[in-house]
Amino acid sequence: MKQDDSDTQEYAEDLPAPANEQSLSSIAPGEIVIGILEGLDEQGNVLVNFAENQCDAPLVAISTVAINQQQAGQQVALLFAEGKLVKPVVMGLIHNPLNQMIENFEMIPQEMTQGEITSGEASFDQNTEKLEADTETKDMEDVTVDGKRVVIEGREEIVFKCGEASITLTKAGKILIRGKYLLNRSSGVNRIMGGSVQVN
């Protein structure tokens, strides 16, 4: 018995589109989507994730800007080639003042004296005293440092403090954030991962 062609056509139209053909449904054409830069794969391809991603893994994206592994975790602005969710295009990184401060912060150069050289390293205490002396003689309101990658390291702990707010990093691996008001906001994916998660 020959099947009606109209019934076959209607059935084909009801079938879902393949994953590689998924187009923008809830996203307007040209609308920028905020995603997360997951890093680079072994071939150096950019990997991104975003709330509308219907796949179980980050997607390979092309980028209009230079991307490196150190920028993993930052937010990115995404568009989509041919209107398909599986073809993300990174238009740029989202500016974050904290990331900018860390990237631009420069370590104070260590000055070694003849009597304080131990295993090729200068005394940390002398550098601290020199910094305090320089601070007393000159009031610094703003500090601007230009550097692609900056490492800030303390032997016991590092403290960022302003008024009643502080961020403390300890040698034991603890990160302590204190303040009267805390705001954690993400336009994209916001993940909390740990062996256990406790609230109050």
N, C-alpha and C. Protein backbone atom coordinates (compact mmCIF):
# COMPACT_ATOMS: atom_id res chain seq x y z
N MET A 1 0.85 -1.19 0.00
CA MET A 1 0.00 0.00 0.00
C MET A 1 0.88 1.24 0.00
N LYS A 2 0.61 2.20 -0.88
CA LYS A 2 1.45 3.40 -1.00
C LYS A 2 1.05 4.43 0.05
N GLN A 3 2.07 4.94 0.78
CA GLN A 3 1.81 5.91 1.86
C GLN A 3 1.62 7.29 1.27
N ASP A 4 0.69 8.01 1.83
CA ASP A 4 0.41 9.36 1.35
C ASP A 4 1.63 10.25 1.54
N ASP A 5 2.04 10.97 0.48
CA ASP A 5 3.23 11.83 0.55
C ASP A 5 3.04 12.96 1.54
N SER A 6 1.82 13.48 1.68
CA SER A 6 1.58 14.59 2.61
C SER A 6 1.79 14.16 4.05
N ASP A 7 1.40 12.89 4.38
CA ASP A 7 1.61 12.39 5.74
C ASP A 7 3.09 12.25 6.04
N THR A 8 3.87 11.78 5.04
CA THR A 8 5.32 11.63 5.23
C THR A 8 5.98 12.97 5.46
N GLN A 9 5.55 13.99 4.72
CA GLN A 9 6.13 15.33 4.86
C GLN A 9 5.84 15.91 6.23
N GLU A 10 4.58 15.72 6.71
CA GLU A 10 4.23 16.25 8.03
C GLU A 10 5.03 15.56 9.13
N TYR A 11 5.28 14.24 8.98
CA TYR A 11 6.07 13.51 9.97
C TYR A 11 7.50 14.02 10.01
N ALA A 12 8.07 14.29 8.84
CA ALA A 12 9.45 14.78 8.76
C ALA A 12 9.59 16.15 9.40
N GLU A 13 8.56 16.98 9.26
CA GLU A 13 8.62 18.32 9.83
C GLU A 13 8.57 18.28 11.35
N ASP A 14 7.93 17.23 11.91
CA ASP A 14 7.81 17.12 13.36
C ASP A 14 9.07 16.61 14.03
N LEU A 15 10.01 16.02 13.25
CA LEU A 15 11.22 15.48 13.84
C LEU A 15 12.11 16.59 14.35
N PRO A 16 12.80 16.42 15.53
CA PRO A 16 13.72 17.45 16.05
C PRO A 16 14.94 17.56 15.17
N ALA A 17 15.51 18.77 15.12
CA ALA A 17 16.72 18.99 14.32
C ALA A 17 17.89 18.30 14.98
N PRO A 18 18.84 17.77 14.19
CA PRO A 18 20.04 17.16 14.76
C PRO A 18 20.79 18.15 15.63
N ALA A 19 21.63 17.61 16.56
CA ALA A 19 22.36 18.47 17.50
C ALA A 19 23.23 19.47 16.77
N ASN A 20 23.86 19.04 15.65
CA ASN A 20 24.75 19.95 14.95
C ASN A 20 24.00 20.98 14.12
N GLU A 21 22.65 20.90 14.08
CA GLU A 21 21.87 21.86 13.33
C GLU A 21 21.03 22.74 14.24
N GLN A 22 21.23 22.64 15.57
CA GLN A 22 20.45 23.42 16.51
C GLN A 22 20.70 24.90 16.27
N SER A 23 19.63 25.66 16.08
CA SER A 23 19.75 27.09 15.80
C SER A 23 19.32 27.90 17.01
N LEU A 24 19.48 29.20 16.91
CA LEU A 24 19.12 30.08 18.01
C LEU A 24 17.60 30.10 18.17
N SER A 25 17.12 29.65 19.31
CA SER A 25 15.69 29.64 19.57
C SER A 25 15.31 30.77 20.51
N SER A 26 15.91 30.75 21.72
CA SER A 26 15.60 31.78 22.71
C SER A 26 16.52 32.99 22.60
N ILE A 27 17.40 32.99 21.61
CA ILE A 27 18.36 34.08 21.44
C ILE A 27 18.04 34.83 20.16
N ALA A 28 17.92 36.14 20.25
CA ALA A 28 17.64 36.95 19.07
C ALA A 28 18.88 37.02 18.18
N PRO A 29 18.70 37.11 16.86
CA PRO A 29 19.85 37.23 15.95
C PRO A 29 20.72 38.43 16.31
N GLY A 30 22.01 38.20 16.43
CA GLY A 30 22.94 39.27 16.78
C GLY A 30 23.03 39.56 18.27
N GLU A 31 22.25 38.84 19.09
CA GLU A 31 22.30 39.07 20.54
C GLU A 31 23.57 38.46 21.12
N ILE A 32 24.25 39.22 21.96
CA ILE A 32 25.47 38.74 22.61
C ILE A 32 25.11 37.90 23.84
N VAL A 33 25.73 36.73 23.94
CA VAL A 33 25.51 35.83 25.07
C VAL A 33 26.78 35.80 25.93
N ILE A 34 26.60 35.87 27.25
CA ILE A 34 27.74 35.82 28.16
C ILE A 34 28.02 34.36 28.51
N GLY A 35 29.24 33.92 28.27
CA GLY A 35 29.65 32.56 28.58
C GLY A 35 30.90 32.53 29.44
N ILE A 36 31.41 31.33 29.65
CA ILE A 36 32.61 31.13 30.46
C ILE A 36 33.70 30.51 29.60
N LEU A 37 34.91 31.06 29.68
CA LEU A 37 36.05 30.47 28.99
C LEU A 37 36.56 29.29 29.81
N GLU A 38 36.43 28.08 29.27
CA GLU A 38 36.85 26.88 29.99
C GLU A 38 38.34 26.60 29.82
N GLY A 39 38.98 27.22 28.84
CA GLY A 39 40.41 27.00 28.61
C GLY A 39 40.69 26.60 27.19
N LEU A 40 41.82 25.93 26.96
CA LEU A 40 42.22 25.46 25.64
C LEU A 40 42.37 23.95 25.66
N ASP A 41 42.05 23.29 24.54
CA ASP A 41 42.27 21.85 24.47
C ASP A 41 43.70 21.56 24.02
N GLU A 42 44.03 20.28 23.80
CA GLU A 42 45.40 19.90 23.46
C GLU A 42 45.84 20.48 22.12
N GLN A 43 44.90 20.76 21.25
CA GLN A 43 45.24 21.35 19.95
C GLN A 43 45.26 22.88 19.98
N GLY A 44 45.00 23.46 21.16
CA GLY A 44 45.01 24.91 21.28
C GLY A 44 43.69 25.56 20.92
N ASN A 45 42.63 24.76 20.73
CA ASN A 45 41.31 25.31 20.42
C ASN A 45 40.67 25.91 21.67
N VAL A 46 39.94 26.99 21.48
CA VAL A 46 39.26 27.66 22.59
C VAL A 46 38.00 26.87 22.96
N LEU A 47 37.81 26.63 24.27
CA LEU A 47 36.63 25.92 24.77
C LEU A 47 35.78 26.87 25.60
N VAL A 48 34.48 26.92 25.30
CA VAL A 48 33.58 27.81 26.04
C VAL A 48 32.33 27.05 26.46
N ASN A 49 31.65 27.61 27.45
CA ASN A 49 30.37 27.07 27.90
C ASN A 49 29.43 28.24 28.16
N PHE A 50 28.14 27.99 28.08
CA PHE A 50 27.15 29.04 28.30
C PHE A 50 25.84 28.39 28.68
N ALA A 51 24.93 29.17 29.26
CA ALA A 51 23.70 28.62 29.82
C ALA A 51 22.84 27.93 28.76
N GLU A 52 22.84 28.44 27.52
CA GLU A 52 22.00 27.88 26.47
C GLU A 52 22.62 26.67 25.79
N ASN A 53 23.83 26.27 26.19
CA ASN A 53 24.50 25.13 25.57
C ASN A 53 23.72 23.84 25.85
N GLN A 54 23.28 23.16 24.80
CA GLN A 54 22.49 21.95 24.95
C GLN A 54 23.34 20.68 24.93
N CYS A 55 24.65 20.85 24.83
CA CYS A 55 25.56 19.70 24.86
C CYS A 55 26.02 19.46 26.30
N ASP A 56 26.59 18.29 26.54
CA ASP A 56 27.04 17.93 27.89
C ASP A 56 28.47 18.38 28.16
N ALA A 57 29.12 19.00 27.19
CA ALA A 57 30.52 19.38 27.34
C ALA A 57 30.73 20.76 26.73
N PRO A 58 31.82 21.45 27.12
CA PRO A 58 32.14 22.74 26.50
C PRO A 58 32.31 22.59 24.99
N LEU A 59 32.05 23.68 24.28
CA LEU A 59 32.13 23.67 22.82
C LEU A 59 33.39 24.36 22.34
N VAL A 60 33.92 23.88 21.22
CA VAL A 60 35.06 24.54 20.58
C VAL A 60 34.56 25.81 19.91
N ALA A 61 35.27 26.91 20.12
CA ALA A 61 34.86 28.20 19.56
C ALA A 61 36.01 28.81 18.78
N ILE A 62 35.66 29.67 17.83
CA ILE A 62 36.67 30.51 17.20
C ILE A 62 36.67 31.84 17.93
N SER A 63 37.78 32.56 17.86
CA SER A 63 37.92 33.78 18.66
C SER A 63 38.47 34.91 17.81
N THR A 64 37.96 36.10 18.07
CA THR A 64 38.46 37.30 17.39
C THR A 64 39.59 37.96 18.17
N VAL A 65 39.87 37.44 19.36
CA VAL A 65 40.95 37.99 20.19
C VAL A 65 41.87 36.86 20.63
N ALA A 66 43.09 37.22 21.03
CA ALA A 66 44.06 36.22 21.50
C ALA A 66 43.61 35.68 22.86
N ILE A 67 43.65 34.35 23.02
CA ILE A 67 43.23 33.69 24.25
C ILE A 67 44.37 32.81 24.74
N ASN A 68 44.63 32.81 26.06
CA ASN A 68 45.62 31.90 26.63
C ASN A 68 45.01 31.15 27.82
N GLN A 69 45.72 30.11 28.25
CA GLN A 69 45.20 29.22 29.30
C GLN A 69 45.02 29.95 30.62
N GLN A 70 45.84 30.99 30.88
CA GLN A 70 45.74 31.72 32.14
C GLN A 70 44.42 32.48 32.27
N GLN A 71 43.72 32.68 31.16
CA GLN A 71 42.45 33.41 31.20
C GLN A 71 41.25 32.50 31.44
N ALA A 72 41.49 31.21 31.65
CA ALA A 72 40.39 30.26 31.90
C ALA A 72 39.59 30.68 33.13
N GLY A 73 38.28 30.58 33.03
CA GLY A 73 37.40 30.98 34.12
C GLY A 73 36.81 32.37 33.95
N GLN A 74 37.37 33.16 33.04
CA GLN A 74 36.85 34.50 32.81
C GLN A 74 35.60 34.44 31.94
N GLN A 75 34.77 35.48 32.04
CA GLN A 75 33.57 35.57 31.21
C GLN A 75 33.93 36.09 29.83
N VAL A 76 33.20 35.61 28.82
CA VAL A 76 33.44 36.02 27.44
C VAL A 76 32.12 36.42 26.79
N ALA A 77 32.21 37.31 25.79
CA ALA A 77 31.05 37.70 25.00
C ALA A 77 31.00 36.82 23.75
N LEU A 78 29.84 36.19 23.51
CA LEU A 78 29.72 35.21 22.42
C LEU A 78 28.66 35.63 21.40
N LEU A 79 28.97 35.40 20.13
CA LEU A 79 27.99 35.39 19.05
C LEU A 79 28.04 34.00 18.42
N PHE A 80 27.17 33.73 17.44
CA PHE A 80 27.09 32.38 16.89
C PHE A 80 27.08 32.43 15.36
N ALA A 81 28.04 31.72 14.76
CA ALA A 81 28.16 31.67 13.30
C ALA A 81 26.97 30.91 12.71
N GLU A 82 26.43 31.44 11.63
CA GLU A 82 25.31 30.83 10.91
C GLU A 82 24.08 30.64 11.80
N GLY A 83 24.04 31.36 12.92
CA GLY A 83 22.90 31.25 13.83
C GLY A 83 22.78 29.93 14.54
N LYS A 84 23.90 29.19 14.68
CA LYS A 84 23.88 27.86 15.31
C LYS A 84 24.59 27.89 16.65
N LEU A 85 23.93 27.32 17.67
CA LEU A 85 24.49 27.32 19.02
C LEU A 85 25.79 26.53 19.11
N VAL A 86 26.00 25.60 18.19
CA VAL A 86 27.21 24.77 18.25
C VAL A 86 28.40 25.44 17.57
N LYS A 87 28.23 26.69 17.11
CA LYS A 87 29.31 27.41 16.45
C LYS A 87 29.54 28.76 17.13
N PRO A 88 29.97 28.74 18.42
CA PRO A 88 30.18 30.01 19.13
C PRO A 88 31.41 30.75 18.63
N VAL A 89 31.33 32.07 18.69
CA VAL A 89 32.44 32.94 18.30
C VAL A 89 32.73 33.87 19.48
N VAL A 90 33.96 33.84 20.00
CA VAL A 90 34.34 34.71 21.11
C VAL A 90 34.65 36.09 20.56
N MET A 91 33.84 37.08 20.96
CA MET A 91 34.04 38.45 20.49
C MET A 91 34.99 39.22 21.40
N GLY A 92 35.14 38.76 22.64
CA GLY A 92 36.03 39.45 23.56
C GLY A 92 35.85 38.95 24.98
N LEU A 93 36.76 39.35 25.87
CA LEU A 93 36.69 39.01 27.29
C LEU A 93 35.92 40.10 28.03
N ILE A 94 35.13 39.69 29.02
CA ILE A 94 34.39 40.65 29.85
C ILE A 94 35.34 41.26 30.87
N HIS A 95 35.38 42.58 30.93
CA HIS A 95 36.29 43.27 31.86
C HIS A 95 35.87 43.00 33.30
N ASN A 96 36.84 42.60 34.12
CA ASN A 96 36.62 42.35 35.54
C ASN A 96 37.67 43.14 36.33
N PRO A 97 37.27 44.11 37.15
CA PRO A 97 38.25 44.94 37.87
C PRO A 97 39.21 44.13 38.72
N LEU A 98 38.74 43.04 39.37
CA LEU A 98 39.62 42.24 40.22
C LEU A 98 40.67 41.53 39.38
N ASN A 99 40.25 40.93 38.25
CA ASN A 99 41.22 40.28 37.36
C ASN A 99 42.23 41.28 36.83
N GLN A 100 41.75 42.49 36.50
CA GLN A 100 42.64 43.52 35.99
C GLN A 100 43.67 43.91 37.03
N MET A 101 43.23 44.00 38.31
CA MET A 101 44.15 44.38 39.37
C MET A 101 45.23 43.32 39.55
N ILE A 102 44.82 42.03 39.51
CA ILE A 102 45.79 40.95 39.69
C ILE A 102 46.76 40.90 38.52
N GLU A 103 46.24 41.10 37.29
CA GLU A 103 47.10 41.04 36.11
C GLU A 103 48.09 42.20 36.09
N ASN A 104 47.65 43.37 36.59
CA ASN A 104 48.49 44.56 36.52
C ASN A 104 49.38 44.76 37.74
N PHE A 105 49.18 43.94 38.77
CA PHE A 105 49.97 44.10 39.98
C PHE A 105 51.36 43.53 39.78
N GLU A 106 52.36 44.25 40.18
CA GLU A 106 53.73 43.83 39.94
C GLU A 106 54.44 43.59 41.26
N MET A 107 55.21 42.50 41.31
CA MET A 107 55.97 42.21 42.53
C MET A 107 57.07 43.26 42.72
N ILE A 108 57.34 43.60 43.97
CA ILE A 108 58.42 44.53 44.28
C ILE A 108 59.75 43.83 44.05
N PRO A 109 60.66 44.41 43.25
CA PRO A 109 61.92 43.73 43.00
C PRO A 109 62.71 43.50 44.28
N GLN A 110 63.29 42.33 44.41
CA GLN A 110 64.09 42.01 45.58
C GLN A 110 65.51 42.56 45.40
N GLU A 111 66.01 43.22 46.45
CA GLU A 111 67.36 43.75 46.43
C GLU A 111 68.21 42.91 47.38
N MET A 112 69.28 42.35 46.88
CA MET A 112 70.11 41.46 47.68
C MET A 112 71.36 42.20 48.14
N THR A 113 71.70 42.03 49.44
CA THR A 113 72.93 42.59 49.98
C THR A 113 73.88 41.45 50.30
N GLN A 114 75.15 41.80 50.49
CA GLN A 114 76.19 40.78 50.68
C GLN A 114 75.92 39.93 51.91
N GLY A 115 75.45 40.55 52.99
CA GLY A 115 75.29 39.80 54.23
C GLY A 115 73.99 39.04 54.34
N GLU A 116 73.03 39.25 53.40
CA GLU A 116 71.72 38.63 53.54
C GLU A 116 71.39 37.64 52.43
N ILE A 117 72.34 37.30 51.62
CA ILE A 117 72.10 36.34 50.55
C ILE A 117 72.12 34.93 51.13
N THR A 118 71.02 34.22 51.02
CA THR A 118 70.95 32.82 51.49
C THR A 118 70.37 31.99 50.36
N SER A 119 71.19 31.09 49.86
CA SER A 119 70.80 30.21 48.75
C SER A 119 70.29 31.02 47.56
N GLY A 120 70.90 32.15 47.32
CA GLY A 120 70.55 32.95 46.14
C GLY A 120 69.28 33.76 46.29
N GLU A 121 68.70 33.85 47.53
CA GLU A 121 67.46 34.61 47.73
C GLU A 121 67.71 35.73 48.74
N ALA A 122 67.11 36.89 48.48
CA ALA A 122 67.25 38.02 49.40
C ALA A 122 66.29 37.87 50.56
N SER A 123 66.58 38.53 51.64
CA SER A 123 65.73 38.46 52.83
C SER A 123 64.39 39.14 52.57
N PHE A 124 63.31 38.42 52.88
CA PHE A 124 61.96 38.96 52.69
C PHE A 124 61.71 40.13 53.65
N ASP A 125 62.28 40.03 54.85
CA ASP A 125 62.05 41.08 55.84
C ASP A 125 62.61 42.42 55.39
N GLN A 126 63.78 42.40 54.73
CA GLN A 126 64.38 43.66 54.30
C GLN A 126 63.51 44.34 53.25
N ASN A 127 62.93 43.54 52.35
CA ASN A 127 62.06 44.11 51.33
C ASN A 127 60.81 44.72 51.95
N THR A 128 60.29 44.06 53.01
CA THR A 128 59.12 44.59 53.69
C THR A 128 59.43 45.92 54.36
N GLU A 129 60.60 46.00 55.03
CA GLU A 129 61.00 47.25 55.68
C GLU A 129 61.19 48.36 54.67
N LYS A 130 61.77 48.01 53.51
CA LYS A 130 62.00 49.02 52.47
C LYS A 130 60.67 49.55 51.94
N LEU A 131 59.69 48.63 51.77
CA LEU A 131 58.38 49.05 51.28
C LEU A 131 57.70 49.97 52.28
N GLU A 132 57.79 49.64 53.58
CA GLU A 132 57.18 50.49 54.61
C GLU A 132 57.84 51.86 54.64
N ALA A 133 59.17 51.91 54.48
CA ALA A 133 59.88 53.19 54.48
C ALA A 133 59.46 54.04 53.29
N ASP A 134 59.34 53.42 52.12
CA ASP A 134 58.94 54.16 50.93
C ASP A 134 57.51 54.68 51.07
N THR A 135 56.65 53.89 51.72
CA THR A 135 55.26 54.29 51.90
C THR A 135 55.15 55.48 52.83
N GLU A 136 56.02 55.53 53.87
CA GLU A 136 55.98 56.64 54.81
C GLU A 136 56.42 57.94 54.15
N THR A 137 57.39 57.87 53.23
CA THR A 137 57.90 59.09 52.61
C THR A 137 57.01 59.58 51.49
N LYS A 138 56.22 58.68 50.89
CA LYS A 138 55.39 59.09 49.77
C LYS A 138 54.02 58.44 49.89
N ASP A 139 52.97 59.29 49.91
CA ASP A 139 51.61 58.78 49.99
C ASP A 139 51.15 58.35 48.61
N MET A 140 50.85 57.05 48.45
CA MET A 140 50.42 56.54 47.15
C MET A 140 48.91 56.33 47.17
N GLU A 141 48.18 57.11 46.36
CA GLU A 141 46.74 56.95 46.27
C GLU A 141 46.36 55.89 45.25
N ASP A 142 47.08 55.85 44.13
CA ASP A 142 46.80 54.89 43.07
C ASP A 142 48.07 54.18 42.67
N VAL A 143 47.94 52.89 42.37
CA VAL A 143 49.07 52.09 41.88
C VAL A 143 48.66 51.45 40.57
N THR A 144 49.39 51.73 39.51
CA THR A 144 49.11 51.14 38.21
C THR A 144 50.34 50.38 37.74
N VAL A 145 50.14 49.10 37.42
CA VAL A 145 51.24 48.24 36.99
C VAL A 145 50.86 47.59 35.68
N ASP A 146 51.79 47.57 34.74
CA ASP A 146 51.53 46.97 33.44
C ASP A 146 52.30 45.67 33.32
N GLY A 147 51.62 44.57 33.28
CA GLY A 147 52.27 43.27 33.15
C GLY A 147 51.30 42.24 32.64
N LYS A 148 51.78 41.31 31.81
CA LYS A 148 50.90 40.29 31.26
C LYS A 148 50.55 39.23 32.30
N ARG A 149 51.52 38.86 33.13
CA ARG A 149 51.27 37.86 34.16
C ARG A 149 52.06 38.22 35.41
N VAL A 150 51.36 38.33 36.53
CA VAL A 150 51.99 38.74 37.78
C VAL A 150 51.66 37.70 38.85
N VAL A 151 52.66 37.29 39.61
CA VAL A 151 52.47 36.34 40.69
C VAL A 151 52.70 37.05 42.02
N ILE A 152 51.72 36.99 42.91
CA ILE A 152 51.84 37.56 44.25
C ILE A 152 51.95 36.40 45.23
N GLU A 153 53.03 36.34 45.98
CA GLU A 153 53.26 35.19 46.85
C GLU A 153 53.69 35.64 48.25
N GLY A 154 53.08 35.07 49.26
CA GLY A 154 53.46 35.33 50.64
C GLY A 154 53.82 34.03 51.33
N ARG A 155 54.78 34.06 52.24
CA ARG A 155 55.22 32.83 52.90
C ARG A 155 54.16 32.25 53.81
N GLU A 156 53.44 33.09 54.53
CA GLU A 156 52.43 32.61 55.47
C GLU A 156 51.02 32.94 55.00
N GLU A 157 50.78 34.20 54.62
CA GLU A 157 49.45 34.56 54.14
C GLU A 157 49.51 35.88 53.36
N ILE A 158 48.47 36.10 52.57
CA ILE A 158 48.30 37.34 51.82
C ILE A 158 46.94 37.92 52.21
N VAL A 159 46.89 39.22 52.50
CA VAL A 159 45.66 39.86 52.92
C VAL A 159 45.38 41.07 52.03
N PHE A 160 44.20 41.09 51.39
CA PHE A 160 43.70 42.28 50.70
C PHE A 160 42.65 42.89 51.62
N LYS A 161 42.85 44.15 52.03
CA LYS A 161 41.95 44.72 53.03
C LYS A 161 41.58 46.15 52.66
N CYS A 162 40.31 46.47 52.87
CA CYS A 162 39.81 47.84 52.69
C CYS A 162 38.67 48.04 53.68
N GLY A 163 38.87 48.90 54.68
CA GLY A 163 37.84 49.12 55.68
C GLY A 163 37.51 47.83 56.42
N GLU A 164 36.24 47.45 56.42
CA GLU A 164 35.80 46.24 57.12
C GLU A 164 35.72 45.03 56.19
N ALA A 165 36.20 45.18 54.98
CA ALA A 165 36.19 44.06 54.02
C ALA A 165 37.61 43.54 53.82
N SER A 166 37.75 42.22 53.72
CA SER A 166 39.08 41.65 53.54
C SER A 166 38.99 40.30 52.85
N ILE A 167 40.06 39.97 52.11
CA ILE A 167 40.24 38.65 51.52
C ILE A 167 41.59 38.13 51.99
N THR A 168 41.61 36.98 52.65
CA THR A 168 42.83 36.42 53.21
C THR A 168 43.13 35.07 52.58
N LEU A 169 44.37 34.89 52.12
CA LEU A 169 44.84 33.62 51.58
C LEU A 169 45.91 33.09 52.52
N THR A 170 45.74 31.88 53.05
CA THR A 170 46.68 31.34 54.02
C THR A 170 47.54 30.24 53.42
N LYS A 171 48.65 29.96 54.11
CA LYS A 171 49.58 28.92 53.67
C LYS A 171 48.91 27.54 53.66
N ALA A 172 47.91 27.34 54.52
CA ALA A 172 47.23 26.05 54.63
C ALA A 172 46.25 25.80 53.49
N GLY A 173 46.07 26.79 52.61
CA GLY A 173 45.16 26.62 51.49
C GLY A 173 43.76 27.17 51.72
N LYS A 174 43.59 27.98 52.77
CA LYS A 174 42.27 28.54 53.06
C LYS A 174 42.13 29.91 52.41
N ILE A 175 40.92 30.21 51.95
CA ILE A 175 40.59 31.53 51.42
C ILE A 175 39.44 32.08 52.27
N LEU A 176 39.69 33.16 52.99
CA LEU A 176 38.71 33.73 53.91
C LEU A 176 38.24 35.07 53.36
N ILE A 177 36.93 35.19 53.14
CA ILE A 177 36.34 36.43 52.64
C ILE A 177 35.42 36.98 53.72
N ARG A 178 35.69 38.21 54.17
CA ARG A 178 34.90 38.81 55.24
C ARG A 178 34.38 40.18 54.78
N GLY A 179 33.17 40.50 55.21
CA GLY A 179 32.60 41.80 54.88
C GLY A 179 31.17 41.90 55.38
N LYS A 180 30.64 43.11 55.44
CA LYS A 180 29.26 43.30 55.88
C LYS A 180 28.27 42.90 54.80
N TYR A 181 28.69 42.99 53.54
CA TYR A 181 27.79 42.67 52.43
C TYR A 181 28.59 41.99 51.34
N LEU A 182 28.17 40.78 50.94
CA LEU A 182 28.86 40.03 49.89
C LEU A 182 27.92 39.85 48.71
N LEU A 183 28.43 40.12 47.50
CA LEU A 183 27.65 39.94 46.28
C LEU A 183 28.43 39.06 45.32
N ASN A 184 27.81 37.95 44.91
CA ASN A 184 28.41 37.04 43.93
C ASN A 184 27.47 36.99 42.74
N ARG A 185 27.83 37.65 41.65
CA ARG A 185 26.93 37.77 40.51
C ARG A 185 27.60 37.22 39.25
N SER A 186 26.85 36.44 38.48
CA SER A 186 27.36 35.88 37.23
C SER A 186 26.29 35.97 36.16
N SER A 187 26.65 36.48 34.99
CA SER A 187 25.72 36.52 33.87
C SER A 187 25.68 35.18 33.14
N GLY A 188 26.69 34.34 33.40
CA GLY A 188 26.74 33.03 32.76
C GLY A 188 26.67 31.92 33.80
N VAL A 189 27.46 30.88 33.57
CA VAL A 189 27.47 29.73 34.47
C VAL A 189 28.16 30.09 35.78
N ASN A 190 27.56 29.75 36.90
CA ASN A 190 28.15 29.99 38.23
C ASN A 190 28.24 28.64 38.93
N ARG A 191 29.45 28.11 39.06
CA ARG A 191 29.61 26.77 39.60
C ARG A 191 30.19 26.81 41.02
N ILE A 192 29.69 25.94 41.88
CA ILE A 192 30.25 25.75 43.22
C ILE A 192 30.63 24.28 43.32
N MET A 193 31.93 24.00 43.43
CA MET A 193 32.40 22.61 43.46
C MET A 193 33.23 22.38 44.71
N GLY A 194 33.06 21.23 45.35
CA GLY A 194 33.84 20.91 46.54
C GLY A 194 33.50 19.51 47.03
N GLY A 195 34.35 19.01 47.93
CA GLY A 195 34.08 17.71 48.52
C GLY A 195 32.76 17.70 49.25
N SER A 196 32.44 18.82 49.89
CA SER A 196 31.13 19.01 50.52
C SER A 196 30.84 20.50 50.52
N VAL A 197 29.57 20.86 50.45
CA VAL A 197 29.16 22.26 50.44
C VAL A 197 28.25 22.49 51.63
N GLN A 198 28.60 23.46 52.50
CA GLN A 198 27.82 23.75 53.69
C GLN A 198 27.34 25.19 53.64
N VAL A 199 26.09 25.41 54.02
CA VAL A 199 25.51 26.75 54.12
C VAL A 199 25.11 26.97 55.57
N ASN A 200 25.70 28.02 56.19
CA ASN A 200 25.50 28.27 57.63
C ASN A 200 25.96 27.04 58.39
